[in-house]
Amino acid sequence: MSDERLPDGAPPRQVQEPKHLGQRLAVVALGVIVLMIAVTVIGMSRAAGQVRTGPLALTTPTYPPVTLPPYKATTIARVNATFSATWTAEAAEPTPTFTTGVFGALQDKFASFYGFNAYEGQINGRWEIVRPGTEWPTPVSDYSTPGGYGAVQVYDAISHQLIGDFRAPDHSAWLVITSVKGTMLRLKSDMTASLGFDMATDTFTS
């Protein structure tokens, strides 16, 4: 403040200086900021103090995607592929069909058994292959080699597993089927003109 000189007899007039005006404006601005902060704090306090009367909204939980280690993923994929291929192969495999009767017996090279023919049929509820012929103690490549003996081999027609091996009682060197009646095979050997083999009991008869 400063006193401005006036004509003689007039009262002095005060003049505002710019410096004092700026200080007042700063004080007003500071007051406004303090007021805004106070209003915000009061509003948050009221909101926190309100009691929720309605049910809480449930949110659907989310989970991160499952990622298997590479070796586990590879193993699972391999097992699934193997199972799928096996299942398909089993489902596509045709049901075996059999024909009752006498047929020529195929020979395997270096086998220990040789026969000219064999019988296929259902015996005691099971499909069997009954093959008479010559059996050697060890596999041979020359079926004319002496030392073989007459015998009958019985196989499971489905699994091809050997059920039994029965040596001829007449000490013959070979056997061959001549006829079939029911479960009875009629055989001929180098020692006997007619020999029976009961397929139901796997026993030789006269």
N, C-alpha and C. Protein backbone atom coordinates (compact mmCIF):
# COMPACT_ATOMS: atom_id res chain seq x y z
N MET A 1 0.84 -1.17 0.00
CA MET A 1 0.00 0.00 0.00
C MET A 1 0.90 1.26 0.00
N SER A 2 0.41 2.31 -0.65
CA SER A 2 1.13 3.60 -0.66
C SER A 2 0.11 4.73 -0.71
N ASP A 3 0.47 5.84 -0.15
CA ASP A 3 -0.45 6.99 -0.17
C ASP A 3 -0.17 7.83 -1.41
N GLU A 4 -1.24 8.03 -2.18
CA GLU A 4 -1.13 8.86 -3.39
C GLU A 4 -1.34 10.32 -3.00
N ARG A 5 -0.48 11.15 -3.47
CA ARG A 5 -0.60 12.57 -3.14
C ARG A 5 -1.79 13.18 -3.87
N LEU A 6 -2.67 13.93 -3.10
CA LEU A 6 -3.88 14.58 -3.63
C LEU A 6 -3.78 16.10 -3.40
N PRO A 7 -4.67 16.84 -4.01
CA PRO A 7 -4.66 18.29 -3.75
C PRO A 7 -4.84 18.55 -2.27
N ASP A 8 -4.45 19.71 -1.87
CA ASP A 8 -4.52 20.07 -0.45
C ASP A 8 -5.94 19.98 0.06
N GLY A 9 -6.11 19.35 1.19
CA GLY A 9 -7.41 19.19 1.85
C GLY A 9 -8.12 17.90 1.53
N ALA A 10 -7.68 17.13 0.49
CA ALA A 10 -8.35 15.84 0.11
C ALA A 10 -7.73 14.71 0.90
N PRO A 11 -8.59 13.70 1.31
CA PRO A 11 -8.06 12.55 2.07
C PRO A 11 -7.20 11.64 1.18
N PRO A 12 -6.25 10.98 1.72
CA PRO A 12 -5.37 10.10 0.91
C PRO A 12 -6.12 8.86 0.39
N ARG A 13 -5.79 8.33 -0.82
CA ARG A 13 -6.43 7.13 -1.43
C ARG A 13 -5.39 6.02 -1.53
N GLN A 14 -5.85 4.81 -1.06
CA GLN A 14 -4.95 3.67 -1.06
C GLN A 14 -4.98 2.98 -2.42
N VAL A 15 -3.86 2.46 -2.86
CA VAL A 15 -3.73 1.79 -4.17
C VAL A 15 -3.25 0.35 -3.93
N GLN A 16 -3.95 -0.67 -4.56
CA GLN A 16 -3.54 -2.09 -4.48
C GLN A 16 -2.29 -2.31 -5.31
N GLU A 17 -1.37 -2.95 -4.71
CA GLU A 17 -0.15 -3.30 -5.44
C GLU A 17 -0.31 -4.68 -6.07
N PRO A 18 0.21 -4.99 -7.21
CA PRO A 18 0.10 -6.30 -7.90
C PRO A 18 0.65 -7.45 -7.06
N LYS A 19 1.65 -7.25 -6.27
CA LYS A 19 2.24 -8.31 -5.49
C LYS A 19 1.25 -8.86 -4.49
N HIS A 20 0.54 -8.02 -3.83
CA HIS A 20 -0.43 -8.46 -2.83
C HIS A 20 -1.61 -9.17 -3.49
N LEU A 21 -2.02 -8.80 -4.66
CA LEU A 21 -3.12 -9.45 -5.38
C LEU A 21 -2.77 -10.89 -5.76
N GLY A 22 -1.55 -11.12 -6.19
CA GLY A 22 -1.14 -12.47 -6.54
C GLY A 22 -1.13 -13.40 -5.34
N GLN A 23 -0.75 -12.92 -4.19
CA GLN A 23 -0.75 -13.75 -3.00
C GLN A 23 -2.16 -14.16 -2.61
N ARG A 24 -3.10 -13.28 -2.76
CA ARG A 24 -4.48 -13.60 -2.42
C ARG A 24 -5.06 -14.66 -3.36
N LEU A 25 -4.74 -14.53 -4.62
CA LEU A 25 -5.24 -15.53 -5.58
C LEU A 25 -4.67 -16.93 -5.28
N ALA A 26 -3.41 -17.00 -4.86
CA ALA A 26 -2.81 -18.29 -4.53
C ALA A 26 -3.49 -18.92 -3.33
N VAL A 27 -3.84 -18.07 -2.33
CA VAL A 27 -4.52 -18.59 -1.16
C VAL A 27 -5.89 -19.14 -1.51
N VAL A 28 -6.61 -18.45 -2.42
CA VAL A 28 -7.94 -18.92 -2.83
C VAL A 28 -7.83 -20.26 -3.57
N ALA A 29 -6.87 -20.38 -4.46
CA ALA A 29 -6.71 -21.64 -5.21
C ALA A 29 -6.38 -22.80 -4.28
N LEU A 30 -5.53 -22.55 -3.29
CA LEU A 30 -5.19 -23.58 -2.34
C LEU A 30 -6.41 -24.03 -1.54
N GLY A 31 -7.23 -23.07 -1.20
CA GLY A 31 -8.46 -23.40 -0.47
C GLY A 31 -9.39 -24.28 -1.27
N VAL A 32 -9.49 -23.97 -2.59
CA VAL A 32 -10.37 -24.78 -3.45
C VAL A 32 -9.87 -26.23 -3.53
N ILE A 33 -8.54 -26.41 -3.63
CA ILE A 33 -7.98 -27.76 -3.71
C ILE A 33 -8.24 -28.53 -2.43
N VAL A 34 -8.05 -27.86 -1.28
CA VAL A 34 -8.30 -28.52 -0.01
C VAL A 34 -9.75 -28.93 0.11
N LEU A 35 -10.65 -28.08 -0.35
CA LEU A 35 -12.08 -28.40 -0.30
C LEU A 35 -12.43 -29.61 -1.16
N MET A 36 -11.84 -29.70 -2.35
CA MET A 36 -12.12 -30.83 -3.23
C MET A 36 -11.62 -32.14 -2.61
N ILE A 37 -10.44 -32.09 -1.99
CA ILE A 37 -9.91 -33.29 -1.34
C ILE A 37 -10.82 -33.72 -0.20
N ALA A 38 -11.30 -32.76 0.57
CA ALA A 38 -12.18 -33.08 1.69
C ALA A 38 -13.47 -33.72 1.22
N VAL A 39 -14.06 -33.18 0.13
CA VAL A 39 -15.31 -33.75 -0.41
C VAL A 39 -15.09 -35.18 -0.88
N THR A 40 -13.95 -35.43 -1.54
CA THR A 40 -13.66 -36.79 -2.03
C THR A 40 -13.51 -37.78 -0.89
N VAL A 41 -12.78 -37.40 0.16
CA VAL A 41 -12.59 -38.28 1.30
C VAL A 41 -13.90 -38.57 2.00
N ILE A 42 -14.76 -37.58 2.14
CA ILE A 42 -16.05 -37.79 2.80
C ILE A 42 -16.92 -38.73 1.98
N GLY A 43 -16.89 -38.56 0.64
CA GLY A 43 -17.70 -39.43 -0.21
C GLY A 43 -17.25 -40.88 -0.13
N MET A 44 -15.93 -41.11 -0.12
CA MET A 44 -15.42 -42.49 -0.02
C MET A 44 -15.76 -43.11 1.32
N SER A 45 -15.73 -42.31 2.37
CA SER A 45 -16.06 -42.83 3.70
C SER A 45 -17.51 -43.26 3.77
N ARG A 46 -18.39 -42.47 3.19
CA ARG A 46 -19.80 -42.82 3.19
C ARG A 46 -20.05 -44.10 2.39
N ALA A 47 -19.40 -44.20 1.23
CA ALA A 47 -19.58 -45.40 0.41
C ALA A 47 -19.09 -46.64 1.13
N ALA A 48 -17.97 -46.52 1.85
CA ALA A 48 -17.45 -47.67 2.58
C ALA A 48 -18.34 -48.05 3.74
N GLY A 49 -19.02 -47.09 4.30
CA GLY A 49 -19.86 -47.37 5.46
C GLY A 49 -21.22 -47.90 5.12
N GLN A 50 -21.62 -47.88 3.82
CA GLN A 50 -22.94 -48.39 3.43
C GLN A 50 -22.97 -49.91 3.54
N VAL A 51 -24.10 -50.47 3.99
CA VAL A 51 -24.28 -51.91 4.13
C VAL A 51 -25.00 -52.43 2.90
N ARG A 52 -24.42 -53.51 2.25
CA ARG A 52 -25.03 -54.09 1.05
C ARG A 52 -26.14 -55.03 1.48
N THR A 53 -27.35 -54.76 0.99
CA THR A 53 -28.49 -55.57 1.38
C THR A 53 -28.81 -56.66 0.35
N GLY A 54 -28.38 -56.53 -0.90
CA GLY A 54 -28.68 -57.51 -1.93
C GLY A 54 -27.63 -58.60 -1.99
N PRO A 55 -27.91 -59.71 -2.70
CA PRO A 55 -26.92 -60.80 -2.83
C PRO A 55 -25.74 -60.38 -3.67
N LEU A 56 -24.61 -60.97 -3.34
CA LEU A 56 -23.41 -60.68 -4.12
C LEU A 56 -23.49 -61.35 -5.48
N ALA A 57 -23.04 -60.66 -6.50
CA ALA A 57 -23.05 -61.22 -7.85
C ALA A 57 -21.91 -62.22 -7.98
N LEU A 58 -22.24 -63.46 -8.44
CA LEU A 58 -21.23 -64.50 -8.61
C LEU A 58 -20.64 -64.41 -10.00
N THR A 59 -19.34 -64.45 -10.08
CA THR A 59 -18.67 -64.41 -11.38
C THR A 59 -18.17 -65.79 -11.74
N THR A 60 -18.22 -66.11 -13.01
CA THR A 60 -17.74 -67.41 -13.48
C THR A 60 -16.22 -67.44 -13.43
N PRO A 61 -15.65 -68.40 -12.69
CA PRO A 61 -14.18 -68.44 -12.59
C PRO A 61 -13.56 -68.83 -13.92
N THR A 62 -12.45 -68.30 -14.18
CA THR A 62 -11.71 -68.65 -15.39
C THR A 62 -10.38 -69.26 -14.98
N TYR A 63 -9.94 -70.26 -15.75
CA TYR A 63 -8.71 -70.96 -15.45
C TYR A 63 -7.77 -70.88 -16.64
N PRO A 64 -6.51 -70.86 -16.39
CA PRO A 64 -5.57 -70.84 -17.52
C PRO A 64 -5.63 -72.16 -18.26
N PRO A 65 -5.43 -72.17 -19.56
CA PRO A 65 -5.47 -73.44 -20.32
C PRO A 65 -4.40 -74.40 -19.84
N VAL A 66 -4.76 -75.72 -19.84
CA VAL A 66 -3.82 -76.76 -19.39
C VAL A 66 -2.82 -77.05 -20.49
N THR A 67 -1.57 -77.00 -20.16
CA THR A 67 -0.51 -77.30 -21.12
C THR A 67 0.32 -78.44 -20.56
N LEU A 68 0.30 -79.60 -21.25
CA LEU A 68 1.07 -80.76 -20.81
C LEU A 68 2.51 -80.62 -21.24
N PRO A 69 3.42 -81.18 -20.44
CA PRO A 69 4.81 -81.24 -20.89
C PRO A 69 4.89 -82.02 -22.20
N PRO A 70 5.84 -81.70 -23.05
CA PRO A 70 5.92 -82.36 -24.37
C PRO A 70 5.96 -83.88 -24.30
N TYR A 71 6.71 -84.44 -23.34
CA TYR A 71 6.84 -85.91 -23.30
C TYR A 71 5.52 -86.56 -22.91
N LYS A 72 4.72 -85.91 -22.04
CA LYS A 72 3.42 -86.46 -21.68
C LYS A 72 2.45 -86.37 -22.85
N ALA A 73 2.45 -85.25 -23.53
CA ALA A 73 1.55 -85.09 -24.68
C ALA A 73 1.88 -86.11 -25.76
N THR A 74 3.16 -86.35 -26.00
CA THR A 74 3.57 -87.33 -27.02
C THR A 74 3.14 -88.74 -26.62
N THR A 75 3.32 -89.09 -25.36
CA THR A 75 2.94 -90.43 -24.89
C THR A 75 1.44 -90.64 -25.01
N ILE A 76 0.65 -89.66 -24.59
CA ILE A 76 -0.81 -89.78 -24.67
C ILE A 76 -1.25 -89.91 -26.12
N ALA A 77 -0.66 -89.12 -27.01
CA ALA A 77 -1.02 -89.20 -28.42
C ALA A 77 -0.69 -90.57 -29.00
N ARG A 78 0.47 -91.13 -28.61
CA ARG A 78 0.86 -92.45 -29.13
C ARG A 78 -0.08 -93.54 -28.64
N VAL A 79 -0.44 -93.49 -27.35
CA VAL A 79 -1.36 -94.49 -26.79
C VAL A 79 -2.72 -94.40 -27.48
N ASN A 80 -3.22 -93.18 -27.67
CA ASN A 80 -4.52 -93.01 -28.32
C ASN A 80 -4.49 -93.53 -29.75
N ALA A 81 -3.39 -93.26 -30.45
CA ALA A 81 -3.29 -93.73 -31.84
C ALA A 81 -3.24 -95.25 -31.91
N THR A 82 -2.48 -95.85 -30.99
CA THR A 82 -2.39 -97.31 -30.97
C THR A 82 -3.73 -97.94 -30.64
N PHE A 83 -4.41 -97.39 -29.65
CA PHE A 83 -5.72 -97.92 -29.28
C PHE A 83 -6.71 -97.80 -30.42
N SER A 84 -6.69 -96.63 -31.09
CA SER A 84 -7.62 -96.41 -32.20
C SER A 84 -7.36 -97.41 -33.33
N ALA A 85 -6.07 -97.63 -33.65
CA ALA A 85 -5.74 -98.56 -34.73
C ALA A 85 -6.12 -99.98 -34.36
N THR A 86 -5.88 -100.37 -33.11
CA THR A 86 -6.23 -101.72 -32.65
C THR A 86 -7.72 -101.93 -32.68
N TRP A 87 -8.46 -100.93 -32.18
CA TRP A 87 -9.92 -101.04 -32.16
C TRP A 87 -10.47 -101.17 -33.58
N THR A 88 -9.93 -100.38 -34.51
CA THR A 88 -10.40 -100.44 -35.89
C THR A 88 -10.09 -101.81 -36.49
N ALA A 89 -8.88 -102.33 -36.23
CA ALA A 89 -8.50 -103.63 -36.78
C ALA A 89 -9.39 -104.74 -36.23
N GLU A 90 -9.69 -104.69 -34.94
CA GLU A 90 -10.52 -105.72 -34.33
C GLU A 90 -11.95 -105.63 -34.86
N ALA A 91 -12.43 -104.40 -35.03
CA ALA A 91 -13.80 -104.24 -35.50
C ALA A 91 -13.95 -104.69 -36.95
N ALA A 92 -12.86 -104.50 -37.75
CA ALA A 92 -12.93 -104.84 -39.16
C ALA A 92 -12.60 -106.29 -39.45
N GLU A 93 -12.06 -107.00 -38.46
CA GLU A 93 -11.66 -108.38 -38.69
C GLU A 93 -12.88 -109.26 -38.91
N PRO A 94 -12.93 -109.98 -40.03
CA PRO A 94 -14.11 -110.80 -40.29
C PRO A 94 -14.20 -112.02 -39.37
N THR A 95 -15.41 -112.46 -39.14
CA THR A 95 -15.63 -113.67 -38.34
C THR A 95 -15.13 -114.88 -39.13
N PRO A 96 -14.28 -115.72 -38.51
CA PRO A 96 -13.76 -116.88 -39.26
C PRO A 96 -14.88 -117.83 -39.67
N THR A 97 -14.76 -118.36 -40.86
CA THR A 97 -15.73 -119.33 -41.36
C THR A 97 -15.00 -120.64 -41.64
N PHE A 98 -15.67 -121.74 -41.37
CA PHE A 98 -15.07 -123.06 -41.54
C PHE A 98 -16.01 -123.94 -42.35
N THR A 99 -15.38 -124.91 -43.02
CA THR A 99 -16.13 -125.87 -43.82
C THR A 99 -15.80 -127.27 -43.33
N THR A 100 -16.82 -128.03 -43.04
CA THR A 100 -16.61 -129.40 -42.56
C THR A 100 -16.23 -130.30 -43.73
N GLY A 101 -15.17 -131.08 -43.53
CA GLY A 101 -14.78 -132.02 -44.57
C GLY A 101 -13.30 -132.31 -44.56
N VAL A 102 -12.87 -133.12 -45.52
CA VAL A 102 -11.47 -133.51 -45.65
C VAL A 102 -10.83 -132.64 -46.73
N PHE A 103 -9.64 -132.19 -46.46
CA PHE A 103 -8.93 -131.34 -47.43
C PHE A 103 -7.46 -131.74 -47.44
N GLY A 104 -6.77 -131.35 -48.51
CA GLY A 104 -5.35 -131.64 -48.61
C GLY A 104 -4.56 -130.85 -47.58
N ALA A 105 -3.63 -131.50 -46.91
CA ALA A 105 -2.84 -130.85 -45.86
C ALA A 105 -1.61 -130.20 -46.46
N LEU A 106 -1.44 -128.90 -46.19
CA LEU A 106 -0.26 -128.20 -46.68
C LEU A 106 0.92 -128.50 -45.77
N GLN A 107 2.10 -128.56 -46.37
CA GLN A 107 3.30 -128.90 -45.61
C GLN A 107 4.22 -127.70 -45.50
N ASP A 108 4.87 -127.58 -44.34
CA ASP A 108 5.87 -126.54 -44.13
C ASP A 108 7.26 -127.16 -44.28
N LYS A 109 8.14 -126.43 -45.00
CA LYS A 109 9.51 -126.94 -45.18
C LYS A 109 10.21 -127.04 -43.83
N PHE A 110 10.98 -128.10 -43.65
CA PHE A 110 11.71 -128.40 -42.41
C PHE A 110 10.76 -128.66 -41.23
N ALA A 111 9.53 -129.07 -41.52
CA ALA A 111 8.60 -129.39 -40.43
C ALA A 111 8.90 -130.78 -39.89
N SER A 112 8.31 -131.06 -38.73
CA SER A 112 8.51 -132.39 -38.13
C SER A 112 7.30 -133.28 -38.36
N PHE A 113 6.31 -132.80 -39.13
CA PHE A 113 5.11 -133.60 -39.37
C PHE A 113 4.73 -133.46 -40.84
N TYR A 114 4.33 -134.60 -41.42
CA TYR A 114 3.90 -134.61 -42.82
C TYR A 114 2.62 -135.42 -42.93
N GLY A 115 1.63 -134.83 -43.62
CA GLY A 115 0.37 -135.55 -43.84
C GLY A 115 -0.16 -135.28 -45.22
N PHE A 116 -0.87 -136.26 -45.80
CA PHE A 116 -1.44 -136.10 -47.13
C PHE A 116 -2.77 -135.34 -47.07
N ASN A 117 -3.54 -135.53 -46.01
CA ASN A 117 -4.83 -134.87 -45.90
C ASN A 117 -5.16 -134.62 -44.43
N ALA A 118 -6.26 -133.88 -44.19
CA ALA A 118 -6.68 -133.54 -42.82
C ALA A 118 -8.19 -133.34 -42.81
N TYR A 119 -8.77 -133.40 -41.63
CA TYR A 119 -10.21 -133.20 -41.47
C TYR A 119 -10.44 -131.92 -40.64
N GLU A 120 -11.43 -131.13 -41.09
CA GLU A 120 -11.84 -129.94 -40.35
C GLU A 120 -13.31 -130.07 -40.01
N GLY A 121 -13.65 -129.83 -38.76
CA GLY A 121 -15.05 -129.95 -38.33
C GLY A 121 -15.22 -129.51 -36.89
N GLN A 122 -16.48 -129.46 -36.47
CA GLN A 122 -16.79 -129.05 -35.10
C GLN A 122 -16.90 -130.29 -34.22
N ILE A 123 -16.00 -130.38 -33.27
CA ILE A 123 -15.94 -131.52 -32.36
C ILE A 123 -16.14 -131.02 -30.93
N ASN A 124 -17.18 -131.58 -30.25
CA ASN A 124 -17.48 -131.18 -28.88
C ASN A 124 -17.64 -129.66 -28.74
N GLY A 125 -18.31 -129.05 -29.74
CA GLY A 125 -18.57 -127.61 -29.70
C GLY A 125 -17.38 -126.74 -30.08
N ARG A 126 -16.30 -127.32 -30.55
CA ARG A 126 -15.11 -126.55 -30.92
C ARG A 126 -14.65 -126.96 -32.31
N TRP A 127 -14.28 -125.97 -33.13
CA TRP A 127 -13.78 -126.27 -34.46
C TRP A 127 -12.33 -126.74 -34.35
N GLU A 128 -12.09 -127.94 -34.95
CA GLU A 128 -10.77 -128.53 -34.85
C GLU A 128 -10.28 -128.96 -36.22
N ILE A 129 -8.95 -129.09 -36.31
CA ILE A 129 -8.31 -129.68 -37.48
C ILE A 129 -7.60 -130.94 -37.01
N VAL A 130 -7.96 -132.07 -37.62
CA VAL A 130 -7.37 -133.36 -37.25
C VAL A 130 -6.51 -133.82 -38.42
N ARG A 131 -5.22 -133.96 -38.17
CA ARG A 131 -4.28 -134.24 -39.25
C ARG A 131 -3.48 -135.50 -38.96
N PRO A 132 -3.77 -136.61 -39.65
CA PRO A 132 -2.93 -137.81 -39.53
C PRO A 132 -1.75 -137.72 -40.50
N GLY A 133 -0.68 -138.46 -40.21
CA GLY A 133 0.47 -138.42 -41.10
C GLY A 133 1.67 -139.09 -40.47
N THR A 134 2.85 -138.58 -40.82
CA THR A 134 4.12 -139.10 -40.30
C THR A 134 4.79 -138.01 -39.46
N GLU A 135 5.23 -138.40 -38.28
CA GLU A 135 5.89 -137.44 -37.39
C GLU A 135 7.33 -137.89 -37.15
N TRP A 136 8.25 -136.91 -37.16
CA TRP A 136 9.65 -137.16 -36.86
C TRP A 136 10.00 -136.52 -35.51
N PRO A 137 10.95 -137.07 -34.81
CA PRO A 137 11.35 -136.48 -33.52
C PRO A 137 11.87 -135.05 -33.67
N THR A 138 12.49 -134.74 -34.82
CA THR A 138 13.02 -133.41 -35.08
C THR A 138 12.62 -132.98 -36.48
N PRO A 139 12.60 -131.68 -36.77
CA PRO A 139 12.25 -131.22 -38.11
C PRO A 139 13.17 -131.81 -39.18
N VAL A 140 12.59 -132.12 -40.35
CA VAL A 140 13.36 -132.69 -41.45
C VAL A 140 13.01 -131.96 -42.74
N SER A 141 13.91 -132.05 -43.70
CA SER A 141 13.65 -131.48 -45.02
C SER A 141 13.33 -132.56 -46.04
N ASP A 142 13.65 -133.81 -45.75
CA ASP A 142 13.39 -134.94 -46.64
C ASP A 142 12.41 -135.88 -45.94
N TYR A 143 11.14 -135.87 -46.39
CA TYR A 143 10.11 -136.65 -45.72
C TYR A 143 10.23 -138.14 -46.00
N SER A 144 11.13 -138.54 -46.86
CA SER A 144 11.36 -139.97 -47.09
C SER A 144 12.42 -140.54 -46.14
N THR A 145 12.96 -139.67 -45.28
CA THR A 145 13.98 -140.12 -44.32
C THR A 145 13.35 -141.11 -43.34
N PRO A 146 13.95 -142.25 -43.12
CA PRO A 146 13.40 -143.21 -42.15
C PRO A 146 13.50 -142.66 -40.73
N GLY A 147 12.66 -143.20 -39.87
CA GLY A 147 12.67 -142.77 -38.48
C GLY A 147 11.38 -142.12 -38.05
N GLY A 148 10.50 -141.81 -39.01
CA GLY A 148 9.21 -141.23 -38.67
C GLY A 148 8.22 -142.31 -38.24
N TYR A 149 7.16 -141.93 -37.57
CA TYR A 149 6.12 -142.88 -37.13
C TYR A 149 4.74 -142.27 -37.34
N GLY A 150 3.75 -143.15 -37.52
CA GLY A 150 2.38 -142.72 -37.76
C GLY A 150 1.78 -142.04 -36.53
N ALA A 151 1.09 -140.92 -36.72
CA ALA A 151 0.49 -140.20 -35.60
C ALA A 151 -0.63 -139.31 -36.11
N VAL A 152 -1.45 -138.84 -35.16
CA VAL A 152 -2.53 -137.90 -35.46
C VAL A 152 -2.32 -136.65 -34.59
N GLN A 153 -2.31 -135.49 -35.23
CA GLN A 153 -2.23 -134.23 -34.51
C GLN A 153 -3.57 -133.52 -34.58
N VAL A 154 -4.00 -132.94 -33.44
CA VAL A 154 -5.28 -132.22 -33.36
C VAL A 154 -4.99 -130.77 -33.01
N TYR A 155 -5.55 -129.85 -33.82
CA TYR A 155 -5.34 -128.42 -33.62
C TYR A 155 -6.67 -127.70 -33.38
N ASP A 156 -6.60 -126.60 -32.65
CA ASP A 156 -7.74 -125.68 -32.56
C ASP A 156 -7.78 -124.89 -33.86
N ALA A 157 -8.93 -124.93 -34.56
CA ALA A 157 -9.02 -124.30 -35.88
C ALA A 157 -8.94 -122.78 -35.82
N ILE A 158 -9.29 -122.18 -34.68
CA ILE A 158 -9.28 -120.72 -34.57
C ILE A 158 -7.91 -120.21 -34.14
N SER A 159 -7.38 -120.76 -33.06
CA SER A 159 -6.09 -120.28 -32.55
C SER A 159 -4.90 -120.99 -33.17
N HIS A 160 -5.15 -122.13 -33.86
CA HIS A 160 -4.08 -122.94 -34.47
C HIS A 160 -3.11 -123.49 -33.42
N GLN A 161 -3.57 -123.60 -32.20
CA GLN A 161 -2.76 -124.19 -31.15
C GLN A 161 -2.92 -125.71 -31.15
N LEU A 162 -1.81 -126.41 -30.90
CA LEU A 162 -1.85 -127.87 -30.87
C LEU A 162 -2.59 -128.34 -29.61
N ILE A 163 -3.62 -129.14 -29.82
CA ILE A 163 -4.41 -129.68 -28.70
C ILE A 163 -3.82 -131.00 -28.21
N GLY A 164 -3.42 -131.83 -29.18
CA GLY A 164 -2.88 -133.13 -28.79
C GLY A 164 -2.13 -133.79 -29.92
N ASP A 165 -1.23 -134.70 -29.57
CA ASP A 165 -0.43 -135.46 -30.53
C ASP A 165 -0.53 -136.93 -30.12
N PHE A 166 -1.11 -137.75 -31.03
CA PHE A 166 -1.44 -139.13 -30.66
C PHE A 166 -0.76 -140.11 -31.63
N ARG A 167 0.08 -140.96 -31.08
CA ARG A 167 0.85 -141.90 -31.90
C ARG A 167 0.00 -143.14 -32.19
N ALA A 168 0.11 -143.61 -33.42
CA ALA A 168 -0.67 -144.79 -33.84
C ALA A 168 -0.25 -146.03 -33.06
N PRO A 169 -1.23 -146.86 -32.66
CA PRO A 169 -0.89 -148.05 -31.86
C PRO A 169 -0.33 -149.21 -32.69
N ASP A 170 -0.40 -149.13 -34.02
CA ASP A 170 0.04 -150.27 -34.83
C ASP A 170 1.50 -150.15 -35.26
N HIS A 171 2.24 -149.17 -34.68
CA HIS A 171 3.67 -148.99 -34.98
C HIS A 171 3.90 -148.73 -36.47
N SER A 172 2.96 -148.04 -37.06
CA SER A 172 3.08 -147.73 -38.49
C SER A 172 3.98 -146.53 -38.70
N ALA A 173 4.36 -146.29 -39.97
CA ALA A 173 5.22 -145.16 -40.33
C ALA A 173 4.41 -143.98 -40.86
N TRP A 174 3.16 -144.24 -41.27
CA TRP A 174 2.33 -143.14 -41.78
C TRP A 174 0.86 -143.48 -41.65
N LEU A 175 0.01 -142.44 -41.67
CA LEU A 175 -1.45 -142.58 -41.63
C LEU A 175 -2.07 -141.62 -42.63
N VAL A 176 -3.23 -142.04 -43.19
CA VAL A 176 -3.96 -141.18 -44.13
C VAL A 176 -5.46 -141.43 -43.95
N ILE A 177 -6.28 -140.39 -44.13
CA ILE A 177 -7.74 -140.51 -43.98
C ILE A 177 -8.32 -141.18 -45.23
N THR A 178 -9.21 -142.15 -45.00
CA THR A 178 -9.91 -142.78 -46.12
C THR A 178 -11.40 -142.43 -46.14
N SER A 179 -11.99 -142.17 -44.94
CA SER A 179 -13.39 -141.79 -44.89
C SER A 179 -13.70 -141.18 -43.51
N VAL A 180 -14.91 -140.55 -43.44
CA VAL A 180 -15.36 -139.94 -42.18
C VAL A 180 -16.83 -140.28 -41.98
N LYS A 181 -17.18 -140.66 -40.75
CA LYS A 181 -18.57 -140.89 -40.41
C LYS A 181 -18.81 -140.36 -38.99
N GLY A 182 -19.56 -139.25 -38.89
CA GLY A 182 -19.77 -138.65 -37.59
C GLY A 182 -18.46 -138.11 -37.05
N THR A 183 -18.11 -138.57 -35.86
CA THR A 183 -16.84 -138.15 -35.25
C THR A 183 -15.75 -139.21 -35.43
N MET A 184 -16.04 -140.20 -36.28
CA MET A 184 -15.08 -141.30 -36.46
C MET A 184 -14.33 -141.14 -37.79
N LEU A 185 -13.01 -141.06 -37.69
CA LEU A 185 -12.16 -141.06 -38.88
C LEU A 185 -11.73 -142.49 -39.17
N ARG A 186 -11.80 -142.89 -40.45
CA ARG A 186 -11.23 -144.17 -40.87
C ARG A 186 -9.88 -143.86 -41.51
N LEU A 187 -8.87 -144.54 -41.00
CA LEU A 187 -7.51 -144.31 -41.44
C LEU A 187 -6.90 -145.56 -42.07
N LYS A 188 -5.90 -145.36 -42.89
CA LYS A 188 -5.13 -146.45 -43.46
C LYS A 188 -3.66 -146.16 -43.16
N SER A 189 -2.91 -147.22 -42.85
CA SER A 189 -1.48 -147.06 -42.57
C SER A 189 -0.69 -148.11 -43.35
N ASP A 190 0.61 -148.04 -43.24
CA ASP A 190 1.43 -149.04 -43.91
C ASP A 190 1.39 -150.36 -43.17
N MET A 191 0.74 -150.39 -41.99
CA MET A 191 0.64 -151.62 -41.20
C MET A 191 -0.79 -152.14 -41.11
N THR A 192 -1.80 -151.25 -41.24
CA THR A 192 -3.20 -151.65 -41.07
C THR A 192 -4.04 -151.07 -42.19
N ALA A 193 -4.90 -151.89 -42.77
CA ALA A 193 -5.73 -151.45 -43.89
C ALA A 193 -6.82 -150.50 -43.44
N SER A 194 -7.35 -150.68 -42.22
CA SER A 194 -8.41 -149.82 -41.71
C SER A 194 -8.25 -149.66 -40.21
N LEU A 195 -8.09 -148.39 -39.81
CA LEU A 195 -7.90 -148.07 -38.40
C LEU A 195 -8.81 -146.89 -38.06
N GLY A 196 -9.46 -146.97 -36.91
CA GLY A 196 -10.37 -145.89 -36.53
C GLY A 196 -9.74 -144.90 -35.56
N PHE A 197 -10.21 -143.63 -35.64
CA PHE A 197 -9.78 -142.61 -34.67
C PHE A 197 -11.02 -141.81 -34.28
N ASP A 198 -11.42 -141.94 -32.99
CA ASP A 198 -12.60 -141.24 -32.49
C ASP A 198 -12.20 -139.81 -32.11
N MET A 199 -12.68 -138.83 -32.88
CA MET A 199 -12.30 -137.44 -32.65
C MET A 199 -12.96 -136.86 -31.41
N ALA A 200 -14.06 -137.47 -30.92
CA ALA A 200 -14.73 -136.97 -29.73
C ALA A 200 -13.91 -137.28 -28.49
N THR A 201 -13.17 -138.36 -28.50
CA THR A 201 -12.37 -138.75 -27.34
C THR A 201 -10.87 -138.79 -27.62
N ASP A 202 -10.50 -138.53 -28.88
CA ASP A 202 -9.09 -138.56 -29.30
C ASP A 202 -8.44 -139.91 -28.97
N THR A 203 -9.12 -140.98 -29.35
CA THR A 203 -8.60 -142.32 -29.09
C THR A 203 -8.67 -143.15 -30.37
N PHE A 204 -7.73 -144.08 -30.50
CA PHE A 204 -7.74 -145.00 -31.65
C PHE A 204 -8.66 -146.20 -31.34
N THR A 205 -9.34 -146.67 -32.40
CA THR A 205 -10.20 -147.86 -32.29
C THR A 205 -9.88 -148.77 -33.48
N SER A 206 -10.42 -149.97 -33.39
CA SER A 206 -10.19 -150.92 -34.48
C SER A 206 -11.20 -150.68 -35.60
